[in-house]
Amino acid sequence: MENIKQLIYDGQTDEAIDRLNKYIELHPKDDEAWFLRGNAYRKKEDYRQALNNYLQAMELNPDSPAFQAHSMLMKILDYYNKDTYNP
């Protein structure tokens, strides 16, 4: 996971998402992977996918840091543009 975190930090989000897709396929109950994929999508400004991944992480682990990330992103979207995540 550290390599994936570094990819996200470095802005290589597509590579991170590809790796996380493969990892989640084999480990669908790993809430950290869902959270990290949410972070990658958030960095790409794909907020709908970010929120969906955070929700999945929270479903798997209510204490996941995805809860904070989801709340923060919702506040940002409510402030800036509600149409971004509500087609």
N, C-alpha and C. Protein backbone atom coordinates (compact mmCIF):
# COMPACT_ATOMS: atom_id res chain seq x y z
N MET A 1 0.81 -1.20 0.00
CA MET A 1 0.00 0.00 0.00
C MET A 1 0.86 1.27 0.00
N GLU A 2 2.05 1.17 0.55
CA GLU A 2 2.90 2.36 0.59
C GLU A 2 3.26 2.83 -0.82
N ASN A 3 3.49 1.89 -1.72
CA ASN A 3 3.79 2.26 -3.12
C ASN A 3 2.61 2.98 -3.75
N ILE A 4 1.41 2.51 -3.46
CA ILE A 4 0.21 3.13 -4.02
C ILE A 4 0.02 4.52 -3.43
N LYS A 5 0.26 4.67 -2.14
CA LYS A 5 0.16 5.99 -1.52
C LYS A 5 1.13 6.96 -2.18
N GLN A 6 2.33 6.49 -2.48
CA GLN A 6 3.33 7.34 -3.12
C GLN A 6 2.90 7.71 -4.54
N LEU A 7 2.31 6.77 -5.27
CA LEU A 7 1.81 7.07 -6.61
C LEU A 7 0.76 8.17 -6.56
N ILE A 8 -0.15 8.07 -5.61
CA ILE A 8 -1.19 9.10 -5.48
C ILE A 8 -0.55 10.44 -5.14
N TYR A 9 0.36 10.43 -4.20
CA TYR A 9 1.04 11.65 -3.79
C TYR A 9 1.77 12.30 -4.97
N ASP A 10 2.38 11.46 -5.80
CA ASP A 10 3.14 11.95 -6.96
C ASP A 10 2.25 12.32 -8.14
N GLY A 11 0.94 12.14 -8.02
CA GLY A 11 0.02 12.50 -9.09
C GLY A 11 -0.14 11.43 -10.15
N GLN A 12 0.37 10.24 -9.90
CA GLN A 12 0.22 9.13 -10.85
C GLN A 12 -1.05 8.36 -10.50
N THR A 13 -2.16 9.06 -10.58
CA THR A 13 -3.42 8.50 -10.11
C THR A 13 -3.94 7.35 -10.97
N ASP A 14 -3.74 7.43 -12.27
CA ASP A 14 -4.22 6.34 -13.13
C ASP A 14 -3.51 5.03 -12.78
N GLU A 15 -2.22 5.10 -12.57
CA GLU A 15 -1.45 3.91 -12.18
C GLU A 15 -1.92 3.39 -10.83
N ALA A 16 -2.14 4.29 -9.89
CA ALA A 16 -2.62 3.90 -8.57
C ALA A 16 -3.98 3.22 -8.66
N ILE A 17 -4.88 3.79 -9.45
CA ILE A 17 -6.22 3.22 -9.61
C ILE A 17 -6.14 1.85 -10.26
N ASP A 18 -5.31 1.70 -11.27
CA ASP A 18 -5.15 0.39 -11.91
C ASP A 18 -4.69 -0.66 -10.90
N ARG A 19 -3.70 -0.31 -10.11
CA ARG A 19 -3.20 -1.26 -9.10
C ARG A 19 -4.26 -1.56 -8.04
N LEU A 20 -4.98 -0.52 -7.63
CA LEU A 20 -6.02 -0.73 -6.62
C LEU A 20 -7.17 -1.56 -7.18
N ASN A 21 -7.52 -1.37 -8.44
CA ASN A 21 -8.57 -2.19 -9.06
C ASN A 21 -8.21 -3.67 -8.96
N LYS A 22 -6.98 -3.98 -9.30
CA LYS A 22 -6.53 -5.38 -9.24
C LYS A 22 -6.52 -5.89 -7.80
N TYR A 23 -6.04 -5.06 -6.90
CA TYR A 23 -5.97 -5.46 -5.50
C TYR A 23 -7.38 -5.67 -4.91
N ILE A 24 -8.29 -4.76 -5.20
CA ILE A 24 -9.65 -4.86 -4.66
C ILE A 24 -10.37 -6.07 -5.23
N GLU A 25 -10.07 -6.41 -6.46
CA GLU A 25 -10.68 -7.60 -7.06
C GLU A 25 -10.33 -8.85 -6.23
N LEU A 26 -9.11 -8.90 -5.71
CA LEU A 26 -8.66 -10.04 -4.91
C LEU A 26 -8.99 -9.88 -3.42
N HIS A 27 -9.11 -8.64 -2.95
CA HIS A 27 -9.33 -8.35 -1.53
C HIS A 27 -10.47 -7.33 -1.38
N PRO A 28 -11.70 -7.71 -1.71
CA PRO A 28 -12.80 -6.74 -1.72
C PRO A 28 -13.19 -6.19 -0.35
N LYS A 29 -12.71 -6.78 0.71
CA LYS A 29 -13.07 -6.32 2.05
C LYS A 29 -11.99 -5.47 2.72
N ASP A 30 -11.00 -5.05 1.95
CA ASP A 30 -9.93 -4.22 2.48
C ASP A 30 -10.35 -2.76 2.40
N ASP A 31 -10.80 -2.22 3.52
CA ASP A 31 -11.31 -0.85 3.52
C ASP A 31 -10.23 0.17 3.17
N GLU A 32 -8.98 -0.10 3.52
CA GLU A 32 -7.91 0.85 3.19
C GLU A 32 -7.76 1.00 1.68
N ALA A 33 -7.90 -0.08 0.95
CA ALA A 33 -7.79 -0.03 -0.51
C ALA A 33 -8.91 0.84 -1.10
N TRP A 34 -10.11 0.68 -0.59
CA TRP A 34 -11.24 1.50 -1.06
C TRP A 34 -10.99 2.97 -0.74
N PHE A 35 -10.48 3.23 0.46
CA PHE A 35 -10.17 4.60 0.87
C PHE A 35 -9.10 5.22 -0.04
N LEU A 36 -8.06 4.46 -0.31
CA LEU A 36 -6.99 4.97 -1.17
C LEU A 36 -7.48 5.21 -2.60
N ARG A 37 -8.33 4.32 -3.08
CA ARG A 37 -8.87 4.52 -4.43
C ARG A 37 -9.74 5.78 -4.44
N GLY A 38 -10.47 6.01 -3.35
CA GLY A 38 -11.23 7.25 -3.24
C GLY A 38 -10.32 8.47 -3.30
N ASN A 39 -9.18 8.39 -2.61
CA ASN A 39 -8.22 9.49 -2.63
C ASN A 39 -7.68 9.73 -4.04
N ALA A 40 -7.40 8.65 -4.75
CA ALA A 40 -6.89 8.78 -6.12
C ALA A 40 -7.93 9.46 -7.01
N TYR A 41 -9.18 9.02 -6.90
CA TYR A 41 -10.23 9.66 -7.69
C TYR A 41 -10.44 11.12 -7.29
N ARG A 42 -10.33 11.41 -6.00
CA ARG A 42 -10.48 12.80 -5.55
C ARG A 42 -9.37 13.66 -6.16
N LYS A 43 -8.18 13.13 -6.20
CA LYS A 43 -7.06 13.89 -6.77
C LYS A 43 -7.27 14.12 -8.27
N LYS A 44 -7.95 13.19 -8.92
CA LYS A 44 -8.27 13.34 -10.35
C LYS A 44 -9.48 14.25 -10.56
N GLU A 45 -10.09 14.69 -9.46
CA GLU A 45 -11.30 15.50 -9.46
C GLU A 45 -12.50 14.73 -10.00
N ASP A 46 -12.50 13.42 -9.85
CA ASP A 46 -13.66 12.58 -10.16
C ASP A 46 -14.37 12.34 -8.83
N TYR A 47 -15.14 13.33 -8.43
CA TYR A 47 -15.71 13.34 -7.09
C TYR A 47 -16.77 12.27 -6.88
N ARG A 48 -17.50 11.95 -7.90
CA ARG A 48 -18.52 10.90 -7.77
C ARG A 48 -17.87 9.57 -7.41
N GLN A 49 -16.81 9.21 -8.14
CA GLN A 49 -16.10 7.96 -7.85
C GLN A 49 -15.43 8.01 -6.48
N ALA A 50 -14.90 9.17 -6.13
CA ALA A 50 -14.27 9.31 -4.81
C ALA A 50 -15.29 9.04 -3.72
N LEU A 51 -16.45 9.67 -3.81
CA LEU A 51 -17.48 9.48 -2.80
C LEU A 51 -17.93 8.03 -2.72
N ASN A 52 -18.12 7.40 -3.87
CA ASN A 52 -18.54 6.00 -3.89
C ASN A 52 -17.52 5.10 -3.19
N ASN A 53 -16.25 5.35 -3.45
CA ASN A 53 -15.20 4.54 -2.81
C ASN A 53 -15.13 4.80 -1.32
N TYR A 54 -15.28 6.05 -0.91
CA TYR A 54 -15.30 6.36 0.52
C TYR A 54 -16.48 5.67 1.21
N LEU A 55 -17.64 5.68 0.56
CA LEU A 55 -18.80 5.02 1.15
C LEU A 55 -18.57 3.53 1.33
N GLN A 56 -17.94 2.91 0.35
CA GLN A 56 -17.65 1.47 0.46
C GLN A 56 -16.67 1.21 1.60
N ALA A 57 -15.65 2.04 1.73
CA ALA A 57 -14.69 1.90 2.83
C ALA A 57 -15.39 2.05 4.17
N MET A 58 -16.30 3.01 4.27
CA MET A 58 -17.03 3.24 5.52
C MET A 58 -17.97 2.07 5.83
N GLU A 59 -18.54 1.47 4.81
CA GLU A 59 -19.41 0.31 5.02
C GLU A 59 -18.60 -0.86 5.59
N LEU A 60 -17.39 -1.03 5.09
CA LEU A 60 -16.54 -2.12 5.57
C LEU A 60 -15.96 -1.84 6.95
N ASN A 61 -15.68 -0.58 7.22
CA ASN A 61 -15.08 -0.19 8.50
C ASN A 61 -15.59 1.19 8.89
N PRO A 62 -16.55 1.25 9.80
CA PRO A 62 -17.10 2.55 10.20
C PRO A 62 -16.06 3.50 10.79
N ASP A 63 -14.93 2.98 11.25
CA ASP A 63 -13.87 3.82 11.81
C ASP A 63 -12.83 4.22 10.78
N SER A 64 -13.07 3.93 9.53
CA SER A 64 -12.14 4.24 8.45
C SER A 64 -11.92 5.75 8.34
N PRO A 65 -10.72 6.16 7.93
CA PRO A 65 -10.49 7.58 7.67
C PRO A 65 -11.34 8.09 6.50
N ALA A 66 -11.97 7.16 5.80
CA ALA A 66 -12.86 7.55 4.69
C ALA A 66 -14.02 8.40 5.20
N PHE A 67 -14.41 8.21 6.45
CA PHE A 67 -15.50 9.01 7.01
C PHE A 67 -15.14 10.49 6.98
N GLN A 68 -13.95 10.82 7.44
CA GLN A 68 -13.49 12.21 7.44
C GLN A 68 -13.34 12.73 6.00
N ALA A 69 -12.77 11.90 5.12
CA ALA A 69 -12.57 12.32 3.74
C ALA A 69 -13.90 12.57 3.04
N HIS A 70 -14.87 11.68 3.29
CA HIS A 70 -16.20 11.83 2.70
C HIS A 70 -16.85 13.12 3.19
N SER A 71 -16.80 13.34 4.49
CA SER A 71 -17.41 14.55 5.07
C SER A 71 -16.78 15.82 4.49
N MET A 72 -15.46 15.82 4.42
CA MET A 72 -14.75 16.98 3.88
C MET A 72 -15.14 17.25 2.44
N LEU A 73 -15.16 16.19 1.62
CA LEU A 73 -15.48 16.36 0.21
C LEU A 73 -16.92 16.82 0.03
N MET A 74 -17.83 16.32 0.83
CA MET A 74 -19.22 16.75 0.74
C MET A 74 -19.34 18.24 1.07
N LYS A 75 -18.63 18.69 2.08
CA LYS A 75 -18.67 20.12 2.44
C LYS A 75 -18.11 20.98 1.31
N ILE A 76 -17.03 20.52 0.71
CA ILE A 76 -16.45 21.27 -0.41
C ILE A 76 -17.42 21.33 -1.57
N LEU A 77 -18.01 20.20 -1.91
CA LEU A 77 -18.94 20.17 -3.04
C LEU A 77 -20.19 20.98 -2.76
N ASP A 78 -20.69 20.93 -1.55
CA ASP A 78 -21.86 21.73 -1.20
C ASP A 78 -21.56 23.21 -1.35
N TYR A 79 -20.36 23.59 -1.03
CA TYR A 79 -19.97 24.99 -1.11
C TYR A 79 -19.77 25.44 -2.56
N TYR A 80 -19.10 24.60 -3.36
CA TYR A 80 -18.73 25.01 -4.70
C TYR A 80 -19.76 24.72 -5.77
N ASN A 81 -20.18 23.46 -5.89
CA ASN A 81 -21.01 23.11 -7.03
C ASN A 81 -21.77 21.82 -6.77
N LYS A 82 -23.02 21.96 -6.44
CA LYS A 82 -23.84 20.79 -6.14
C LYS A 82 -24.04 19.90 -7.35
N ASP A 83 -23.99 20.45 -8.56
CA ASP A 83 -24.23 19.66 -9.77
C ASP A 83 -23.07 18.72 -10.09
N THR A 84 -21.93 18.87 -9.46
CA THR A 84 -20.78 18.03 -9.74
C THR A 84 -21.06 16.57 -9.40
N TYR A 85 -21.79 16.34 -8.35
CA TYR A 85 -22.04 14.97 -7.95
C TYR A 85 -23.50 14.56 -8.04
N ASN A 86 -24.36 15.41 -8.57
CA ASN A 86 -25.77 15.11 -8.74
C ASN A 86 -26.19 15.41 -10.19
N PRO A 87 -26.10 14.43 -11.05
CA PRO A 87 -26.42 14.71 -12.46
C PRO A 87 -27.89 15.01 -12.67
